[in-house]
Amino acid sequence: MDTQTPELSVVIPCYRTEQALPQLLARLQQSLDAFGRPYEIILVDDCSPDGTAVAAAREVARHPNVRYIELMFNVGQFRALMCGFAHARGRYVVTMDDDLQHPPEEIGKLYQHLVAHPELDAVFGAYVTKQHSSGRNLGSLLVRTVNTYIFGKPPGLVMSSFRCLRRELVDTLLAHRTRYPVIGPLILSSTRRIANVPVQHDARQHGVSNYRLGRLIRTTLDNVLNFSALPLQLISMVGVVVAGISFIMGAVFLAIRLLRGTGATGWTSLFLAVNFYGGLSLLAVGIIGEYLIRILGESKGQPLYIVRRQLGEGATPAPQRIGEGTTASKTS
């Protein structure tokens, strides 16, 4: 490992990466060596159930610029990224997926654009042609819509997991104390100095994507519940509208009673109204419950992650930063 401070850190969350890892690292080394600047590659193994740990140990011995971090338990892609951020030392930090859909040869476009534009804090890769399934594309559209209307994302800005971040922005992300980090909304809440660069997006060569429609919908809900009170506001608005309708209906029934001397007949409307109000109440309770569960999770003080071991030259504990997890044991 170069003793100089790396110019570039490449952080890659790994899950079921055994087959893709040798080709990924070979291409990364070839691409990054061409820069002629010190760099590091940080693999964060999110407790992968396959042979990722064995493959990583073999590759670390071949590639001196690679550091491997194995997590104690599965924490999800975003927490794994936060772990990588906490251990990254580069002036610029690139994040990319482990499935070879983000071509390592495209990193230069992101890095060079950010270096050439000091007013920017982040550069996101905008895929020329997306090689995702229709279900994932639909889920991505849902995420983009939420990011636009809740987080104020500029309509023309494309968010992706293939990005290059300036060191100051990475430190800002680490300063957030949330137990439920979602990188895209955190970036949008930290800066608006973001640009896009067109990049290629290759077809998946190994396995299947873990981000299917259901998981993307869950990610969208996480974005909304973690960073917005919109559901509670919508429930409040619906409650006001329903209360107004009830008041008007009560006035109408009272008028009928006074003018005709008879009440409104029929139990169907009453039955539907009771069920509607009951369902609305249960929905409100469920949304409030989701917020309470998240508040409870925040208050427990659980670590974002726990590092089981590290491999690679210079695999020493990173400087303690706000939001970092703990280390169970370390191996160099």
C-alpha atoms as a PDB file:
ATOM      1  CA  MET A   1       0.000   0.000   0.000  1.00  0.00           C
ATOM      2  CA  ASP A   2       1.293   3.435  -0.921  1.00  0.00           C
ATOM      3  CA  THR A   3       2.156   5.329   2.235  1.00  0.00           C
ATOM      4  CA  GLN A   4       0.948   8.571   0.662  1.00  0.00           C
ATOM      5  CA  THR A   5      -2.551   9.821   1.363  1.00  0.00           C
ATOM      6  CA  PRO A   6      -4.668   8.340  -1.439  1.00  0.00           C
ATOM      7  CA  GLU A   7      -5.997  10.729  -4.018  1.00  0.00           C
ATOM      8  CA  LEU A   8      -8.905   8.392  -4.684  1.00  0.00           C
ATOM      9  CA  SER A   9     -10.772   5.848  -2.566  1.00  0.00           C
ATOM     10  CA  VAL A  10     -13.123   3.395  -4.276  1.00  0.00           C
ATOM     11  CA  VAL A  11     -15.703   1.989  -1.843  1.00  0.00           C
ATOM     12  CA  ILE A  12     -17.568  -1.157  -2.922  1.00  0.00           C
ATOM     13  CA  PRO A  13     -20.221  -2.866  -0.761  1.00  0.00           C
ATOM     14  CA  CYS A  14     -19.980  -6.592  -1.463  1.00  0.00           C
ATOM     15  CA  TYR A  15     -22.720  -9.193  -1.257  1.00  0.00           C
ATOM     16  CA  ARG A  16     -22.512 -12.485  -3.156  1.00  0.00           C
ATOM     17  CA  THR A  17     -19.474 -11.135  -5.025  1.00  0.00           C
ATOM     18  CA  GLU A  18     -17.397 -14.316  -5.161  1.00  0.00           C
ATOM     19  CA  GLN A  19     -17.612 -14.802  -8.926  1.00  0.00           C
ATOM     20  CA  ALA A  20     -17.296 -11.169 -10.008  1.00  0.00           C
ATOM     21  CA  LEU A  21     -14.503 -10.130  -7.625  1.00  0.00           C
ATOM     22  CA  PRO A  22     -11.392 -11.268  -9.591  1.00  0.00           C
ATOM     23  CA  GLN A  23     -12.484  -9.533 -12.800  1.00  0.00           C
ATOM     24  CA  LEU A  24     -13.716  -6.466 -10.926  1.00  0.00           C
ATOM     25  CA  LEU A  25     -10.392  -5.918  -9.143  1.00  0.00           C
ATOM     26  CA  ALA A  26      -8.296  -6.638 -12.225  1.00  0.00           C
ATOM     27  CA  ARG A  27     -10.198  -4.031 -14.236  1.00  0.00           C
ATOM     28  CA  LEU A  28     -10.141  -1.563 -11.345  1.00  0.00           C
ATOM     29  CA  GLN A  29      -6.380  -1.853 -10.913  1.00  0.00           C
ATOM     30  CA  GLN A  30      -5.777  -1.351 -14.623  1.00  0.00           C
ATOM     31  CA  SER A  31      -8.052   1.706 -14.745  1.00  0.00           C
ATOM     32  CA  LEU A  32      -6.769   3.350 -11.555  1.00  0.00           C
ATOM     33  CA  ASP A  33      -3.085   2.710 -12.340  1.00  0.00           C
ATOM     34  CA  ALA A  34      -3.558   4.840 -15.451  1.00  0.00           C
ATOM     35  CA  PHE A  35      -4.211   7.913 -13.272  1.00  0.00           C
ATOM     36  CA  GLY A  36      -0.689   7.796 -11.878  1.00  0.00           C
ATOM     37  CA  ARG A  37      -1.991   8.896  -8.472  1.00  0.00           C
ATOM     38  CA  PRO A  38      -2.136   6.937  -5.172  1.00  0.00           C
ATOM     39  CA  TYR A  39      -5.441   5.151  -4.641  1.00  0.00           C
ATOM     40  CA  GLU A  40      -7.103   2.540  -2.485  1.00  0.00           C
ATOM     41  CA  ILE A  41      -9.939   0.090  -3.048  1.00  0.00           C
ATOM     42  CA  ILE A  42     -12.097  -0.715  -0.029  1.00  0.00           C
ATOM     43  CA  LEU A  43     -14.261  -3.843  -0.159  1.00  0.00           C
ATOM     44  CA  VAL A  44     -16.960  -3.960   2.525  1.00  0.00           C
ATOM     45  CA  ASP A  45     -18.309  -7.496   2.854  1.00  0.00           C
ATOM     46  CA  ASP A  46     -21.877  -7.225   4.164  1.00  0.00           C
ATOM     47  CA  CYS A  47     -21.756 -10.699   5.745  1.00  0.00           C
ATOM     48  CA  SER A  48     -22.118 -12.356   2.359  1.00  0.00           C
ATOM     49  CA  PRO A  49     -23.296 -16.000   2.592  1.00  0.00           C
ATOM     50  CA  ASP A  50     -21.183 -17.231  -0.315  1.00  0.00           C
ATOM     51  CA  GLY A  51     -17.417 -17.474  -0.675  1.00  0.00           C
ATOM     52  CA  THR A  52     -16.816 -13.726  -0.925  1.00  0.00           C
ATOM     53  CA  ALA A  53     -14.545 -13.740   2.151  1.00  0.00           C
ATOM     54  CA  VAL A  54     -12.308 -16.469   0.708  1.00  0.00           C
ATOM     55  CA  ALA A  55     -12.173 -14.811  -2.710  1.00  0.00           C
ATOM     56  CA  ALA A  56     -11.388 -11.431  -1.127  1.00  0.00           C
ATOM     57  CA  ALA A  57      -8.537 -12.864   0.965  1.00  0.00           C
ATOM     58  CA  ARG A  58      -7.042 -14.356  -2.188  1.00  0.00           C
ATOM     59  CA  GLU A  59      -7.388 -11.099  -4.130  1.00  0.00           C
ATOM     60  CA  VAL A  60      -6.012  -8.903  -1.331  1.00  0.00           C
ATOM     61  CA  ALA A  61      -2.761 -10.868  -1.543  1.00  0.00           C
ATOM     62  CA  ARG A  62      -2.566 -10.075  -5.259  1.00  0.00           C
ATOM     63  CA  HIS A  63      -3.535  -6.410  -5.116  1.00  0.00           C
ATOM     64  CA  PRO A  64      -1.582  -4.295  -2.601  1.00  0.00           C
ATOM     65  CA  ASN A  65      -3.981  -1.346  -2.913  1.00  0.00           C
ATOM     66  CA  VAL A  66      -7.003  -3.362  -1.809  1.00  0.00           C
ATOM     67  CA  ARG A  67      -8.381  -3.334   1.737  1.00  0.00           C
ATOM     68  CA  TYR A  68     -11.048  -5.805   2.820  1.00  0.00           C
ATOM     69  CA  ILE A  69     -13.495  -5.184   5.664  1.00  0.00           C
ATOM     70  CA  GLU A  70     -15.772  -8.002   6.813  1.00  0.00           C
ATOM     71  CA  LEU A  71     -18.854  -7.035   8.806  1.00  0.00           C
ATOM     72  CA  MET A  72     -20.149  -9.097  11.705  1.00  0.00           C
ATOM     73  CA  PHE A  73     -23.744  -9.194  10.444  1.00  0.00           C
ATOM     74  CA  ASN A  74     -25.749  -8.079   7.434  1.00  0.00           C
ATOM     75  CA  VAL A  75     -26.560  -4.366   7.671  1.00  0.00           C
ATOM     76  CA  GLY A  76     -27.605  -3.462   4.128  1.00  0.00           C
ATOM     77  CA  GLN A  77     -25.904  -1.546   1.350  1.00  0.00           C
ATOM     78  CA  PHE A  78     -26.227   1.929   2.855  1.00  0.00           C
ATOM     79  CA  ARG A  79     -24.701   1.055   6.224  1.00  0.00           C
ATOM     80  CA  ALA A  80     -21.951  -0.848   4.456  1.00  0.00           C
ATOM     81  CA  LEU A  81     -21.237   2.304   2.464  1.00  0.00           C
ATOM     82  CA  MET A  82     -21.050   4.328   5.681  1.00  0.00           C
ATOM     83  CA  CYS A  83     -18.487   1.829   6.959  1.00  0.00           C
ATOM     84  CA  GLY A  84     -16.470   2.270   3.780  1.00  0.00           C
ATOM     85  CA  PHE A  85     -16.705   6.055   4.091  1.00  0.00           C
ATOM     86  CA  ALA A  86     -15.416   5.894   7.676  1.00  0.00           C
ATOM     87  CA  HIS A  87     -12.348   3.917   6.568  1.00  0.00           C
ATOM     88  CA  ALA A  88     -11.701   5.778   3.295  1.00  0.00           C
ATOM     89  CA  ARG A  89      -8.756   8.187   3.317  1.00  0.00           C
ATOM     90  CA  GLY A  90      -8.883   9.627  -0.196  1.00  0.00           C
ATOM     91  CA  ARG A  91      -9.522  13.234  -1.173  1.00  0.00           C
ATOM     92  CA  TYR A  92     -12.169  11.878  -3.518  1.00  0.00           C
ATOM     93  CA  VAL A  93     -14.383   8.870  -2.832  1.00  0.00           C
ATOM     94  CA  VAL A  94     -16.041   6.799  -5.554  1.00  0.00           C
ATOM     95  CA  THR A  95     -18.897   4.416  -4.785  1.00  0.00           C
ATOM     96  CA  MET A  96     -19.866   1.654  -7.173  1.00  0.00           C
ATOM     97  CA  ASP A  97     -21.678  -1.670  -7.227  1.00  0.00           C
ATOM     98  CA  ASP A  98     -19.930  -5.030  -7.112  1.00  0.00           C
ATOM     99  CA  ASP A  99     -21.714  -6.667 -10.049  1.00  0.00           C
ATOM    100  CA  LEU A 100     -19.662  -5.171 -12.926  1.00  0.00           C
ATOM    101  CA  GLN A 101     -22.629  -3.165 -14.194  1.00  0.00           C
ATOM    102  CA  HIS A 102     -20.613  -0.069 -13.285  1.00  0.00           C
ATOM    103  CA  PRO A 103     -17.601  -0.301 -15.637  1.00  0.00           C
ATOM    104  CA  PRO A 104     -14.384   0.534 -13.743  1.00  0.00           C
ATOM    105  CA  GLU A 105     -13.146   2.215 -16.916  1.00  0.00           C
ATOM    106  CA  GLU A 106     -15.799   4.942 -16.404  1.00  0.00           C
ATOM    107  CA  ILE A 107     -14.453   6.059 -13.020  1.00  0.00           C
ATOM    108  CA  GLY A 108     -12.104   8.492 -14.747  1.00  0.00           C
ATOM    109  CA  LYS A 109     -15.047  10.443 -16.175  1.00  0.00           C
ATOM    110  CA  LEU A 110     -16.539  11.025 -12.723  1.00  0.00           C
ATOM    111  CA  TYR A 111     -13.227  11.812 -11.035  1.00  0.00           C
ATOM    112  CA  GLN A 112     -11.905  14.145 -13.726  1.00  0.00           C
ATOM    113  CA  HIS A 113     -15.176  16.073 -13.925  1.00  0.00           C
ATOM    114  CA  LEU A 114     -15.200  16.654 -10.160  1.00  0.00           C
ATOM    115  CA  VAL A 115     -11.546  17.723 -10.156  1.00  0.00           C
ATOM    116  CA  ALA A 116     -12.170  20.102 -13.059  1.00  0.00           C
ATOM    117  CA  HIS A 117     -15.149  21.717 -11.299  1.00  0.00           C
ATOM    118  CA  PRO A 118     -14.106  22.727  -7.762  1.00  0.00           C
ATOM    119  CA  GLU A 119     -17.522  24.292  -7.174  1.00  0.00           C
ATOM    120  CA  LEU A 120     -19.111  20.815  -7.197  1.00  0.00           C
ATOM    121  CA  ASP A 121     -19.364  18.453  -4.223  1.00  0.00           C
ATOM    122  CA  ALA A 122     -20.534  15.350  -6.082  1.00  0.00           C
ATOM    123  CA  VAL A 123     -20.797  13.870  -9.562  1.00  0.00           C
ATOM    124  CA  PHE A 124     -23.294  11.110 -10.358  1.00  0.00           C
ATOM    125  CA  GLY A 125     -23.066   8.767 -13.286  1.00  0.00           C
ATOM    126  CA  ALA A 126     -26.065   9.055 -15.614  1.00  0.00           C
ATOM    127  CA  TYR A 127     -26.464   5.797 -17.505  1.00  0.00           C
ATOM    128  CA  VAL A 128     -26.574   6.163 -21.275  1.00  0.00           C
ATOM    129  CA  THR A 129     -28.618   2.954 -21.479  1.00  0.00           C
ATOM    130  CA  LYS A 130     -29.809   1.212 -18.323  1.00  0.00           C
ATOM    131  CA  GLN A 131     -29.362  -2.556 -18.266  1.00  0.00           C
ATOM    132  CA  HIS A 132     -31.933  -3.234 -15.545  1.00  0.00           C
ATOM    133  CA  SER A 133     -35.115  -5.277 -15.488  1.00  0.00           C
ATOM    134  CA  SER A 134     -38.464  -3.549 -16.040  1.00  0.00           C
ATOM    135  CA  GLY A 135     -39.374  -4.157 -12.376  1.00  0.00           C
ATOM    136  CA  ARG A 136     -36.259  -2.427 -11.122  1.00  0.00           C
ATOM    137  CA  ASN A 137     -36.724   0.433 -13.577  1.00  0.00           C
ATOM    138  CA  LEU A 138     -40.245   0.919 -12.222  1.00  0.00           C
ATOM    139  CA  GLY A 139     -38.938   0.935  -8.664  1.00  0.00           C
ATOM    140  CA  SER A 140     -36.206   3.395  -9.633  1.00  0.00           C
ATOM    141  CA  LEU A 141     -38.849   5.690 -11.110  1.00  0.00           C
ATOM    142  CA  LEU A 142     -40.701   5.602  -7.801  1.00  0.00           C
ATOM    143  CA  VAL A 143     -37.510   6.492  -5.909  1.00  0.00           C
ATOM    144  CA  ARG A 144     -36.775   9.354  -8.316  1.00  0.00           C
ATOM    145  CA  THR A 145     -40.288  10.732  -7.914  1.00  0.00           C
ATOM    146  CA  VAL A 146     -40.010  10.710  -4.135  1.00  0.00           C
ATOM    147  CA  ASN A 147     -36.571  12.341  -4.251  1.00  0.00           C
ATOM    148  CA  THR A 148     -37.934  15.063  -6.524  1.00  0.00           C
ATOM    149  CA  TYR A 149     -41.036  15.978  -4.532  1.00  0.00           C
ATOM    150  CA  ILE A 150     -39.805  15.412  -0.975  1.00  0.00           C
ATOM    151  CA  PHE A 151     -36.104  16.210  -1.075  1.00  0.00           C
ATOM    152  CA  GLY A 152     -36.182  18.912  -3.723  1.00  0.00           C
ATOM    153  CA  LYS A 153     -34.064  17.032  -6.242  1.00  0.00           C
ATOM    154  CA  PRO A 154     -33.726  19.080  -9.424  1.00  0.00           C
ATOM    155  CA  PRO A 155     -35.912  17.389 -12.073  1.00  0.00           C
ATOM    156  CA  GLY A 156     -33.018  17.021 -14.516  1.00  0.00           C
ATOM    157  CA  LEU A 157     -30.608  15.493 -12.000  1.00  0.00           C
ATOM    158  CA  VAL A 158     -30.099  11.720 -12.158  1.00  0.00           C
ATOM    159  CA  MET A 159     -29.158   9.959  -8.919  1.00  0.00           C
ATOM    160  CA  SER A 160     -27.275   6.662  -9.035  1.00  0.00           C
ATOM    161  CA  SER A 161     -25.010   4.523  -6.878  1.00  0.00           C
ATOM    162  CA  PHE A 162     -22.104   5.204  -9.285  1.00  0.00           C
ATOM    163  CA  ARG A 163     -20.780   8.527  -7.975  1.00  0.00           C
ATOM    164  CA  CYS A 164     -17.691  10.488  -6.976  1.00  0.00           C
ATOM    165  CA  LEU A 165     -17.826  12.564  -3.791  1.00  0.00           C
ATOM    166  CA  ARG A 166     -15.494  15.204  -2.449  1.00  0.00           C
ATOM    167  CA  ARG A 167     -13.880  14.482   0.939  1.00  0.00           C
ATOM    168  CA  GLU A 168     -15.781  17.309   2.650  1.00  0.00           C
ATOM    169  CA  LEU A 169     -19.112  15.846   1.567  1.00  0.00           C
ATOM    170  CA  VAL A 170     -18.138  12.379   2.799  1.00  0.00           C
ATOM    171  CA  ASP A 171     -17.298  13.826   6.230  1.00  0.00           C
ATOM    172  CA  THR A 172     -20.665  15.600   6.232  1.00  0.00           C
ATOM    173  CA  LEU A 173     -22.469  12.322   5.548  1.00  0.00           C
ATOM    174  CA  LEU A 174     -20.588  10.656   8.403  1.00  0.00           C
ATOM    175  CA  ALA A 175     -21.668  13.444  10.749  1.00  0.00           C
ATOM    176  CA  HIS A 176     -25.321  12.376  10.446  1.00  0.00           C
ATOM    177  CA  ARG A 177     -26.233  10.271  13.471  1.00  0.00           C
ATOM    178  CA  THR A 178     -29.183   8.441  11.945  1.00  0.00           C
ATOM    179  CA  ARG A 179     -29.412   4.668  12.374  1.00  0.00           C
ATOM    180  CA  TYR A 180     -31.124   4.457   8.982  1.00  0.00           C
ATOM    181  CA  PRO A 181     -28.768   6.121   6.492  1.00  0.00           C
ATOM    182  CA  VAL A 182     -29.989   6.412   2.913  1.00  0.00           C
ATOM    183  CA  ILE A 183     -27.162   7.895   0.880  1.00  0.00           C
ATOM    184  CA  GLY A 184     -29.139   9.687  -1.850  1.00  0.00           C
ATOM    185  CA  PRO A 185     -31.398  11.734   0.475  1.00  0.00           C
ATOM    186  CA  LEU A 186     -28.448  12.411   2.793  1.00  0.00           C
ATOM    187  CA  ILE A 187     -26.507  13.888  -0.109  1.00  0.00           C
ATOM    188  CA  LEU A 188     -29.493  15.975  -1.231  1.00  0.00           C
ATOM    189  CA  SER A 189     -29.927  17.291   2.301  1.00  0.00           C
ATOM    190  CA  SER A 190     -26.219  18.176   2.487  1.00  0.00           C
ATOM    191  CA  THR A 191     -25.551  19.889  -0.857  1.00  0.00           C
ATOM    192  CA  ARG A 192     -27.103  20.998  -4.130  1.00  0.00           C
ATOM    193  CA  ARG A 193     -23.750  21.265  -5.887  1.00  0.00           C
ATOM    194  CA  ILE A 194     -24.227  18.067  -7.860  1.00  0.00           C
ATOM    195  CA  ALA A 195     -23.751  17.304 -11.549  1.00  0.00           C
ATOM    196  CA  ASN A 196     -24.227  14.391 -13.921  1.00  0.00           C
ATOM    197  CA  VAL A 197     -21.754  12.751 -16.289  1.00  0.00           C
ATOM    198  CA  PRO A 198     -22.923  10.224 -18.925  1.00  0.00           C
ATOM    199  CA  VAL A 199     -21.504   6.746 -18.279  1.00  0.00           C
ATOM    200  CA  GLN A 200     -21.982   3.295 -19.689  1.00  0.00           C
ATOM    201  CA  HIS A 201     -24.037   0.718 -17.819  1.00  0.00           C
ATOM    202  CA  ASP A 202     -23.240  -2.907 -18.567  1.00  0.00           C
ATOM    203  CA  ALA A 203     -25.447  -5.965 -18.283  1.00  0.00           C
ATOM    204  CA  ARG A 204     -25.092  -8.077 -15.154  1.00  0.00           C
ATOM    205  CA  GLN A 205     -22.681 -10.969 -15.679  1.00  0.00           C
ATOM    206  CA  HIS A 206     -23.213 -12.956 -12.479  1.00  0.00           C
ATOM    207  CA  GLY A 207     -26.237 -13.693 -10.297  1.00  0.00           C
ATOM    208  CA  VAL A 208     -29.379 -11.592 -10.006  1.00  0.00           C
ATOM    209  CA  SER A 209     -29.993  -8.156  -8.556  1.00  0.00           C
ATOM    210  CA  ASN A 210     -30.926  -7.889  -4.881  1.00  0.00           C
ATOM    211  CA  TYR A 211     -32.833  -4.685  -5.676  1.00  0.00           C
ATOM    212  CA  ARG A 212     -36.127  -5.930  -7.023  1.00  0.00           C
ATOM    213  CA  LEU A 213     -39.371  -3.957  -7.146  1.00  0.00           C
ATOM    214  CA  GLY A 214     -40.433  -4.872  -3.591  1.00  0.00           C
ATOM    215  CA  ARG A 215     -37.122  -3.830  -2.080  1.00  0.00           C
ATOM    216  CA  LEU A 216     -37.087  -0.565  -4.019  1.00  0.00           C
ATOM    217  CA  ILE A 217     -40.588   0.200  -2.757  1.00  0.00           C
ATOM    218  CA  ARG A 218     -39.348  -0.457   0.770  1.00  0.00           C
ATOM    219  CA  THR A 219     -36.371   1.835   0.129  1.00  0.00           C
ATOM    220  CA  THR A 220     -38.786   4.528  -1.046  1.00  0.00           C
ATOM    221  CA  LEU A 221     -40.809   4.156   2.160  1.00  0.00           C
ATOM    222  CA  ASP A 222     -37.589   4.376   4.171  1.00  0.00           C
ATOM    223  CA  ASN A 223     -36.735   7.610   2.381  1.00  0.00           C
ATOM    224  CA  VAL A 224     -40.133   9.081   3.170  1.00  0.00           C
ATOM    225  CA  LEU A 225     -40.341   7.950   6.801  1.00  0.00           C
ATOM    226  CA  ASN A 226     -36.737   8.755   7.685  1.00  0.00           C
ATOM    227  CA  PHE A 227     -36.550  12.209   6.156  1.00  0.00           C
ATOM    228  CA  SER A 228     -40.092  13.536   5.951  1.00  0.00           C
ATOM    229  CA  ALA A 229     -43.285  13.986   7.971  1.00  0.00           C
ATOM    230  CA  LEU A 230     -45.328  13.850   4.747  1.00  0.00           C
ATOM    231  CA  PRO A 231     -47.393  10.744   5.712  1.00  0.00           C
ATOM    232  CA  LEU A 232     -48.476  12.368   8.981  1.00  0.00           C
ATOM    233  CA  GLN A 233     -49.267  15.589   7.162  1.00  0.00           C
ATOM    234  CA  LEU A 234     -51.356  13.723   4.581  1.00  0.00           C
ATOM    235  CA  ILE A 235     -53.250  11.888   7.318  1.00  0.00           C
ATOM    236  CA  SER A 236     -53.907  15.206   9.046  1.00  0.00           C
ATOM    237  CA  MET A 237     -55.198  16.726   5.814  1.00  0.00           C
ATOM    238  CA  VAL A 238     -57.458  13.736   5.166  1.00  0.00           C
ATOM    239  CA  GLY A 239     -58.693  13.980   8.757  1.00  0.00           C
ATOM    240  CA  VAL A 240     -59.609  17.638   8.262  1.00  0.00           C
ATOM    241  CA  VAL A 241     -61.389  16.852   4.987  1.00  0.00           C
ATOM    242  CA  VAL A 242     -63.286  13.913   6.520  1.00  0.00           C
ATOM    243  CA  ALA A 243     -64.268  16.025   9.534  1.00  0.00           C
ATOM    244  CA  GLY A 244     -65.579  18.724   7.193  1.00  0.00           C
ATOM    245  CA  ILE A 245     -67.570  16.206   5.175  1.00  0.00           C
ATOM    246  CA  SER A 246     -68.999  14.734   8.385  1.00  0.00           C
ATOM    247  CA  PHE A 247     -70.023  18.192   9.581  1.00  0.00           C
ATOM    248  CA  ILE A 248     -71.744  18.935   6.263  1.00  0.00           C
ATOM    249  CA  MET A 249     -73.533  15.566   6.258  1.00  0.00           C
ATOM    250  CA  GLY A 250     -74.652  16.139   9.842  1.00  0.00           C
ATOM    251  CA  ALA A 251     -76.063  19.530   8.890  1.00  0.00           C
ATOM    252  CA  VAL A 252     -77.896  18.014   5.906  1.00  0.00           C
ATOM    253  CA  PHE A 253     -79.430  15.215   8.001  1.00  0.00           C
ATOM    254  CA  LEU A 254     -80.475  17.718  10.665  1.00  0.00           C
ATOM    255  CA  ALA A 255     -82.121  19.904   8.036  1.00  0.00           C
ATOM    256  CA  ILE A 256     -84.014  16.899   6.644  1.00  0.00           C
ATOM    257  CA  ARG A 257     -85.167  16.013  10.138  1.00  0.00           C
ATOM    258  CA  LEU A 258     -86.428  19.511  10.854  1.00  0.00           C
ATOM    259  CA  LEU A 259     -88.089  20.100   7.494  1.00  0.00           C
ATOM    260  CA  ARG A 260     -89.634  16.665   6.853  1.00  0.00           C
ATOM    261  CA  GLY A 261     -89.883  15.282  10.316  1.00  0.00           C
ATOM    262  CA  THR A 262     -88.131  12.068   9.296  1.00  0.00           C
ATOM    263  CA  GLY A 263     -84.556  10.912   9.544  1.00  0.00           C
ATOM    264  CA  ALA A 264     -82.389   9.596   6.778  1.00  0.00           C
ATOM    265  CA  THR A 265     -83.107   5.927   6.091  1.00  0.00           C
ATOM    266  CA  GLY A 266     -80.734   3.146   5.110  1.00  0.00           C
ATOM    267  CA  TRP A 267     -77.834   1.504   6.911  1.00  0.00           C
ATOM    268  CA  THR A 268     -75.569   1.103   3.906  1.00  0.00           C
ATOM    269  CA  SER A 269     -74.181   4.625   4.093  1.00  0.00           C
ATOM    270  CA  LEU A 270     -73.656   4.262   7.839  1.00  0.00           C
ATOM    271  CA  PHE A 271     -71.873   0.949   7.404  1.00  0.00           C
ATOM    272  CA  LEU A 272     -69.570   2.363   4.711  1.00  0.00           C
ATOM    273  CA  ALA A 273     -68.831   5.466   6.744  1.00  0.00           C
ATOM    274  CA  VAL A 274     -67.921   3.461   9.857  1.00  0.00           C
ATOM    275  CA  ASN A 275     -65.611   1.212   7.852  1.00  0.00           C
ATOM    276  CA  PHE A 276     -64.011   4.172   6.111  1.00  0.00           C
ATOM    277  CA  TYR A 277     -63.308   6.005   9.351  1.00  0.00           C
ATOM    278  CA  GLY A 278     -62.127   2.793  11.011  1.00  0.00           C
ATOM    279  CA  GLY A 279     -59.708   2.043   8.145  1.00  0.00           C
ATOM    280  CA  LEU A 280     -58.450   5.608   8.184  1.00  0.00           C
ATOM    281  CA  SER A 281     -57.810   5.389  11.926  1.00  0.00           C
ATOM    282  CA  LEU A 282     -55.901   2.125  11.561  1.00  0.00           C
ATOM    283  CA  LEU A 283     -53.825   3.629   8.742  1.00  0.00           C
ATOM    284  CA  ALA A 284     -52.952   6.606  10.922  1.00  0.00           C
ATOM    285  CA  VAL A 285     -52.017   4.330  13.828  1.00  0.00           C
ATOM    286  CA  GLY A 286     -49.821   2.236  11.523  1.00  0.00           C
ATOM    287  CA  ILE A 287     -47.959   5.273  10.197  1.00  0.00           C
ATOM    288  CA  ILE A 288     -47.449   6.645  13.694  1.00  0.00           C
ATOM    289  CA  GLY A 289     -46.231   3.189  14.743  1.00  0.00           C
ATOM    290  CA  GLU A 290     -43.630   3.211  11.958  1.00  0.00           C
ATOM    291  CA  TYR A 291     -42.299   6.540  13.182  1.00  0.00           C
ATOM    292  CA  LEU A 292     -42.220   5.305  16.786  1.00  0.00           C
ATOM    293  CA  ILE A 293     -40.310   2.155  15.781  1.00  0.00           C
ATOM    294  CA  ARG A 294     -37.705   4.283  14.038  1.00  0.00           C
ATOM    295  CA  ILE A 295     -37.456   6.674  16.964  1.00  0.00           C
ATOM    296  CA  LEU A 296     -36.951   3.674  19.251  1.00  0.00           C
ATOM    297  CA  GLY A 297     -34.220   2.351  16.950  1.00  0.00           C
ATOM    298  CA  GLU A 298     -32.464   5.725  17.001  1.00  0.00           C
ATOM    299  CA  SER A 299     -32.626   5.934  20.796  1.00  0.00           C
ATOM    300  CA  LYS A 300     -31.155   2.464  21.402  1.00  0.00           C
ATOM    301  CA  GLY A 301     -27.723   3.598  20.292  1.00  0.00           C
ATOM    302  CA  GLN A 302     -27.080   0.433  18.284  1.00  0.00           C
ATOM    303  CA  PRO A 303     -23.999   0.589  16.031  1.00  0.00           C
ATOM    304  CA  LEU A 304     -24.444   1.017  12.316  1.00  0.00           C
ATOM    305  CA  TYR A 305     -22.163  -1.973  11.846  1.00  0.00           C
ATOM    306  CA  ILE A 306     -19.526  -4.045  13.607  1.00  0.00           C
ATOM    307  CA  VAL A 307     -16.290  -4.934  11.830  1.00  0.00           C
ATOM    308  CA  ARG A 308     -15.305  -8.570  12.290  1.00  0.00           C
ATOM    309  CA  ARG A 309     -11.880  -8.300  10.645  1.00  0.00           C
ATOM    310  CA  GLN A 310      -9.811  -6.374   8.131  1.00  0.00           C
ATOM    311  CA  LEU A 311      -7.338  -7.573   5.544  1.00  0.00           C
ATOM    312  CA  GLY A 312      -4.780  -5.747   3.484  1.00  0.00           C
ATOM    313  CA  GLU A 313      -1.741  -3.587   4.087  1.00  0.00           C
ATOM    314  CA  GLY A 314      -2.547  -0.644   6.299  1.00  0.00           C
ATOM    315  CA  ALA A 315      -5.742  -2.306   7.538  1.00  0.00           C
ATOM    316  CA  THR A 316      -5.746  -0.390  10.797  1.00  0.00           C
ATOM    317  CA  PRO A 317      -8.635   1.282  12.561  1.00  0.00           C
ATOM    318  CA  ALA A 318      -9.746   4.428  10.783  1.00  0.00           C
ATOM    319  CA  PRO A 319      -9.890   7.676  12.738  1.00  0.00           C
ATOM    320  CA  GLN A 320     -13.052   7.679  14.829  1.00  0.00           C
ATOM    321  CA  ARG A 321     -15.748   9.717  13.133  1.00  0.00           C
ATOM    322  CA  ILE A 322     -19.301  10.470  14.186  1.00  0.00           C
ATOM    323  CA  GLY A 323     -21.652   7.718  13.054  1.00  0.00           C
ATOM    324  CA  GLU A 324     -18.966   5.033  12.798  1.00  0.00           C
ATOM    325  CA  GLY A 325     -19.593   1.536  14.084  1.00  0.00           C
ATOM    326  CA  THR A 326     -17.317  -0.570  16.246  1.00  0.00           C
ATOM    327  CA  THR A 327     -14.644  -3.165  15.529  1.00  0.00           C
ATOM    328  CA  ALA A 328     -14.805  -6.661  16.972  1.00  0.00           C
ATOM    329  CA  SER A 329     -11.372  -7.788  15.816  1.00  0.00           C
ATOM    330  CA  LYS A 330      -8.795  -6.939  13.177  1.00  0.00           C
ATOM    331  CA  THR A 331      -6.416  -8.948  11.055  1.00  0.00           C
ATOM    332  CA  SER A 332      -3.716  -7.405   8.874  1.00  0.00           C
END
